[in-house]
Amino acid sequence: MENNYKAVKDAIDLGYRYIDTAPISGNEEEVGDALLTKIDEGVVKREDLYIVGKLLNPKAFHDAALIKDELLSTLRNLNLTYLDQYVIQCPEGDLNFNDTWHEMEKLIDNFIVKSIGVSNFNESQINHLLTSARCTPVTCQFDCHPYLTQTKLSDFCRSKNIAVTVYNPFGSSNLLDDPQIESIAQTYRKTPEQILLRYQIQRGHIAIPISISKIKLKENMDIFKFELDNQDMAALGKLERANKNYSSLNSLSYERMKLKLCFRQ
């Protein structure tokens, strides 16, 4: 869709350099067209950008021969010759994903991806992966926000030198309307979204919010000239709703939306 094409161009013009994509609903083609436009215009060089792709096709999880085909399809759609990172989207219960991982490691050997990661893996699954992995995942992407702090998983990833990438830092509309978050936002004269992004940055996480509005894209970048104090960080951490059904797998719909852009201090 034209909106996605424009959003990627706007993002690059504003200074975004990390773009997270998925082969759903034409997302990759739109991103690829925008990337090609901005590279041809001389706004950026390919090496200035960090592009992440996803292995989503369940058939490829079970058929090693399909993994490279899936990646090559993504590269064609994105008008690229390599990815900076390729991510297994989600493990399946009956799947020996270690075999999938070994095939993805070969993509690094062949210089068509620079790194590989996982998404929606829990601690047990990561440990199982590490039993035979030659390359440790550079990141684990999962749902995380003040209603679902994921502290244990975050600490575990840090102990394994795996970066945390948060694909749903804004949670739901209920989170954006939370009175305590609104109060903190007023204190700092920021939007609730900016507070939620700053919260993730100060936790040492990478945040990839979803946005196609140029105004929001610009707002979301304006989070590096202030810092939440310890009291406000603690208050946000206490909003955890462990008794609610806030599961990272329940938020996979976010992976199917327009595009995601990264913040990391």
Protein backbone atom coordinates (compact mmCIF):
# COMPACT_ATOMS: atom_id res chain seq x y z
CA MET A 1 0.00 0.00 0.00
CA GLU A 2 1.12 3.55 -0.76
CA ASN A 3 0.98 4.50 2.93
CA ASN A 4 3.68 1.98 3.81
CA TYR A 5 5.90 3.08 0.94
CA LYS A 6 5.61 6.69 2.07
CA ALA A 7 6.14 5.80 5.73
CA VAL A 8 9.45 4.09 5.01
CA LYS A 9 10.65 7.03 2.93
CA ASP A 10 9.58 9.47 5.66
CA ALA A 11 11.31 7.38 8.29
CA ILE A 12 14.59 7.34 6.40
CA ASP A 13 14.38 11.09 5.82
CA LEU A 14 13.85 11.58 9.57
CA GLY A 15 16.92 9.51 10.42
CA TYR A 16 15.61 6.00 10.98
CA ARG A 17 18.14 3.39 9.96
CA TYR A 18 16.70 0.13 11.35
CA ILE A 19 13.63 -1.32 9.63
CA ASP A 20 11.97 -4.58 10.62
CA THR A 21 9.95 -6.33 7.91
CA ALA A 22 7.79 -9.42 7.39
CA PRO A 23 6.59 -11.14 4.18
CA ILE A 24 2.89 -10.46 4.78
CA SER A 25 0.35 -8.46 2.77
CA GLY A 26 2.94 -6.95 0.45
CA ASN A 27 4.93 -5.41 3.29
CA GLU A 28 8.28 -6.44 1.87
CA GLU A 29 7.63 -5.07 -1.62
CA GLU A 30 6.58 -1.70 -0.26
CA VAL A 31 9.62 -1.48 1.98
CA GLY A 32 11.87 -2.60 -0.87
CA ASP A 33 10.55 0.07 -3.23
CA ALA A 34 11.09 2.75 -0.60
CA LEU A 35 14.60 1.53 0.17
CA LEU A 36 15.52 1.54 -3.51
CA THR A 37 14.14 5.07 -3.92
CA LYS A 38 16.12 6.48 -1.01
CA ILE A 39 19.32 4.70 -2.01
CA ASP A 40 18.96 5.92 -5.61
CA GLU A 41 18.34 9.45 -4.31
CA GLY A 42 21.60 9.26 -2.35
CA VAL A 43 19.86 9.87 0.98
CA VAL A 44 21.39 6.67 2.39
CA LYS A 45 23.76 3.92 1.34
CA ARG A 46 22.85 0.27 1.83
CA GLU A 47 25.54 -0.04 4.52
CA ASP A 48 23.87 2.78 6.49
CA LEU A 49 20.77 0.65 7.01
CA TYR A 50 19.99 -2.31 9.28
CA ILE A 51 17.27 -4.43 7.73
CA VAL A 52 15.60 -7.34 9.51
CA GLY A 53 13.59 -10.06 7.76
CA LYS A 54 11.45 -12.94 9.07
CA LEU A 55 11.20 -16.64 8.37
CA LEU A 56 7.43 -17.06 8.66
CA ASN A 57 6.49 -19.97 6.41
CA PRO A 58 5.79 -23.04 8.63
CA LYS A 59 6.61 -25.33 5.70
CA ALA A 60 10.13 -23.91 5.66
CA PHE A 61 10.51 -24.79 9.34
CA HIS A 62 10.10 -28.45 8.40
CA ASP A 63 11.88 -28.44 5.05
CA ALA A 64 15.45 -27.18 5.15
CA ALA A 65 15.52 -26.79 1.37
CA LEU A 66 12.85 -24.09 1.59
CA ILE A 67 14.67 -21.84 4.06
CA LYS A 68 17.10 -20.39 1.54
CA ASP A 69 14.27 -20.04 -0.99
CA GLU A 70 12.26 -18.03 1.55
CA LEU A 71 15.21 -15.77 2.23
CA LEU A 72 15.93 -15.22 -1.47
CA SER A 73 12.28 -14.28 -1.99
CA THR A 74 12.57 -11.72 0.80
CA LEU A 75 15.76 -10.30 -0.70
CA ARG A 76 14.11 -9.94 -4.12
CA ASN A 77 11.13 -8.18 -2.57
CA LEU A 78 13.36 -5.81 -0.62
CA ASN A 79 15.70 -5.11 -3.57
CA LEU A 80 18.65 -6.25 -1.44
CA THR A 81 21.54 -8.68 -1.77
CA TYR A 82 21.78 -9.43 1.96
CA LEU A 83 19.95 -8.95 5.27
CA ASP A 84 21.52 -7.62 8.42
CA GLN A 85 19.40 -10.02 10.44
CA TYR A 86 17.06 -12.95 9.72
CA VAL A 87 14.67 -14.08 12.44
CA ILE A 88 12.75 -17.29 13.13
CA GLN A 89 9.32 -15.87 13.81
CA CYS A 90 7.85 -18.40 16.20
CA PRO A 91 8.73 -21.95 17.33
CA GLU A 92 6.21 -24.75 16.91
CA GLY A 93 5.62 -27.28 19.67
CA ASP A 94 6.35 -30.36 17.57
CA LEU A 95 9.27 -28.84 15.72
CA ASN A 96 12.95 -29.54 16.15
CA PHE A 97 13.81 -25.90 15.49
CA ASN A 98 17.48 -26.66 16.07
CA ASP A 99 17.56 -28.12 12.55
CA THR A 100 16.02 -24.91 11.24
CA TRP A 101 18.62 -22.91 13.13
CA HIS A 102 21.47 -24.92 11.61
CA GLU A 103 20.18 -24.09 8.14
CA MET A 104 19.99 -20.43 9.07
CA GLU A 105 23.58 -20.55 10.28
CA LYS A 106 24.54 -21.61 6.75
CA LEU A 107 23.01 -18.37 5.46
CA ILE A 108 25.65 -16.50 7.46
CA ASP A 109 28.35 -18.75 5.98
CA ASN A 110 27.06 -17.84 2.51
CA PHE A 111 27.15 -14.10 3.32
CA ILE A 112 23.47 -13.50 2.54
CA VAL A 113 22.63 -12.65 6.14
CA LYS A 114 24.93 -11.06 8.70
CA SER A 115 23.20 -12.36 11.82
CA ILE A 116 20.25 -14.48 12.93
CA GLY A 117 17.76 -14.19 15.76
CA VAL A 118 14.56 -15.57 17.23
CA SER A 119 11.11 -14.21 18.01
CA ASN A 120 8.61 -15.37 20.65
CA PHE A 121 10.99 -17.97 22.08
CA ASN A 122 10.81 -18.60 25.82
CA GLU A 123 13.71 -19.39 28.14
CA SER A 124 13.35 -23.16 27.76
CA GLN A 125 13.28 -22.95 23.97
CA ILE A 126 16.34 -20.70 23.87
CA ASN A 127 18.23 -23.08 26.16
CA HIS A 128 17.32 -25.98 23.89
CA LEU A 129 18.49 -24.03 20.86
CA LEU A 130 21.81 -23.24 22.53
CA THR A 131 22.57 -26.92 23.14
CA SER A 132 23.63 -27.31 19.50
CA ALA A 133 23.82 -23.78 18.10
CA ARG A 134 27.04 -22.66 16.47
CA CYS A 135 25.80 -19.06 16.42
CA THR A 136 24.05 -17.59 19.44
CA PRO A 137 20.93 -15.58 18.49
CA VAL A 138 21.84 -11.92 18.35
CA THR A 139 18.38 -11.02 19.63
CA CYS A 140 15.11 -12.39 20.91
CA GLN A 141 12.03 -10.42 19.90
CA PHE A 142 8.99 -10.57 22.16
CA ASP A 143 6.01 -8.65 23.45
CA CYS A 144 6.94 -6.34 26.33
CA HIS A 145 5.43 -3.28 27.98
CA PRO A 146 4.53 -2.16 31.53
CA TYR A 147 1.55 -4.53 31.65
CA LEU A 148 3.84 -7.39 30.58
CA THR A 149 7.33 -6.56 31.83
CA GLN A 150 8.94 -9.92 30.93
CA THR A 151 11.64 -9.27 33.53
CA LYS A 152 12.69 -12.90 33.90
CA LEU A 153 13.02 -13.46 30.14
CA SER A 154 14.84 -10.15 29.71
CA ASP A 155 17.33 -11.00 32.45
CA PHE A 156 17.86 -14.46 30.98
CA CYS A 157 18.59 -13.02 27.52
CA ARG A 158 21.03 -10.57 29.02
CA SER A 159 22.83 -13.44 30.80
CA LYS A 160 23.26 -15.17 27.43
CA ASN A 161 24.40 -11.99 25.67
CA ILE A 162 21.20 -11.96 23.60
CA ALA A 163 19.75 -8.51 22.91
CA VAL A 164 16.07 -7.97 23.71
CA THR A 165 13.94 -6.49 20.92
CA VAL A 166 10.47 -5.33 21.95
CA TYR A 167 7.97 -5.41 19.10
CA ASN A 168 4.97 -4.15 21.04
CA PRO A 169 6.19 -1.36 23.36
CA PHE A 170 2.81 0.43 23.30
CA GLY A 171 0.77 -2.59 24.37
CA SER A 172 -2.92 -1.97 23.79
CA SER A 173 -5.00 1.19 23.77
CA ASN A 174 -5.73 0.51 27.45
CA LEU A 175 -2.04 0.99 28.22
CA LEU A 176 -1.87 4.31 26.38
CA ASP A 177 -4.88 5.49 28.38
CA ASP A 178 -3.52 4.29 31.72
CA PRO A 179 -3.85 7.19 34.22
CA GLN A 180 -0.41 6.61 35.72
CA ILE A 181 1.29 6.64 32.33
CA GLU A 182 -0.64 9.76 31.35
CA SER A 183 0.45 11.41 34.60
CA ILE A 184 4.11 10.57 34.01
CA ALA A 185 3.80 11.85 30.43
CA GLN A 186 2.44 15.17 31.70
CA THR A 187 5.32 15.47 34.16
CA TYR A 188 7.89 15.20 31.39
CA ARG A 189 5.74 17.00 28.82
CA LYS A 190 5.88 14.00 26.57
CA THR A 191 3.32 11.70 24.96
CA PRO A 192 2.44 8.34 26.54
CA GLU A 193 4.13 6.67 23.55
CA GLN A 194 7.36 8.55 24.23
CA ILE A 195 7.26 7.49 27.88
CA LEU A 196 6.76 3.85 26.90
CA LEU A 197 9.65 3.97 24.44
CA ARG A 198 11.92 5.66 26.98
CA TYR A 199 10.98 2.97 29.51
CA GLN A 200 12.27 0.27 27.15
CA ILE A 201 15.44 2.17 26.26
CA GLN A 202 16.34 2.60 29.92
CA ARG A 203 15.81 -1.12 30.46
CA GLY A 204 18.46 -1.73 27.81
CA HIS A 205 15.96 -3.00 25.26
CA ILE A 206 15.65 -2.32 21.54
CA ALA A 207 12.17 -0.95 20.79
CA ILE A 208 10.50 -1.28 17.39
CA PRO A 209 7.20 0.63 17.50
CA ILE A 210 4.73 0.48 14.64
CA SER A 211 3.86 3.74 12.92
CA ILE A 212 3.07 5.11 9.46
CA SER A 213 2.29 8.71 10.49
CA LYS A 214 5.14 11.14 9.86
CA ILE A 215 4.13 13.15 12.91
CA LYS A 216 4.26 10.05 15.10
CA LEU A 217 7.52 8.92 13.50
CA LYS A 218 9.07 12.25 14.44
CA GLU A 219 7.60 12.19 17.96
CA ASN A 220 8.86 8.68 18.54
CA MET A 221 12.43 9.78 17.80
CA ASP A 222 12.29 12.54 20.39
CA ILE A 223 13.12 10.36 23.38
CA PHE A 224 16.85 10.85 23.84
CA LYS A 225 16.91 14.27 25.49
CA PHE A 226 15.18 13.24 28.70
CA GLU A 227 15.44 10.42 31.20
CA LEU A 228 12.86 8.83 33.47
CA ASP A 229 13.89 8.96 37.10
CA ASN A 230 14.17 5.83 39.20
CA GLN A 231 10.82 6.45 40.89
CA ASP A 232 8.96 6.63 37.58
CA MET A 233 10.78 3.59 36.19
CA ALA A 234 9.74 1.65 39.29
CA ALA A 235 6.16 2.88 39.00
CA LEU A 236 5.95 1.69 35.39
CA GLY A 237 7.38 -1.66 36.39
CA LYS A 238 4.67 -2.09 39.02
CA LEU A 239 1.91 -1.92 36.40
CA GLU A 240 2.50 -5.61 35.60
CA ARG A 241 -0.77 -7.48 35.11
CA ALA A 242 0.45 -11.04 35.57
CA ASN A 243 -3.07 -12.23 36.36
CA LYS A 244 -4.29 -11.08 32.94
CA ASN A 245 -3.89 -12.96 29.68
CA TYR A 246 -0.99 -10.86 28.37
CA SER A 247 0.93 -13.44 26.37
CA SER A 248 3.53 -12.57 23.76
CA LEU A 249 1.91 -15.06 21.41
CA ASN A 250 -1.40 -13.21 21.71
CA SER A 251 0.22 -10.19 20.14
CA LEU A 252 1.47 -11.80 16.95
CA SER A 253 -1.01 -9.64 15.06
CA TYR A 254 1.48 -6.82 15.58
CA GLU A 255 3.91 -8.74 13.38
CA ARG A 256 1.35 -8.50 10.58
CA MET A 257 1.02 -4.74 10.64
CA LYS A 258 2.56 -2.07 8.48
CA LEU A 259 6.22 -1.68 9.44
CA LYS A 260 8.32 -1.44 12.55
CA LEU A 261 11.11 0.96 13.32
CA CYS A 262 13.85 0.72 15.89
CA PHE A 263 15.03 2.74 18.85
CA ARG A 264 18.16 1.86 20.74
CA GLN A 265 20.27 4.26 22.75
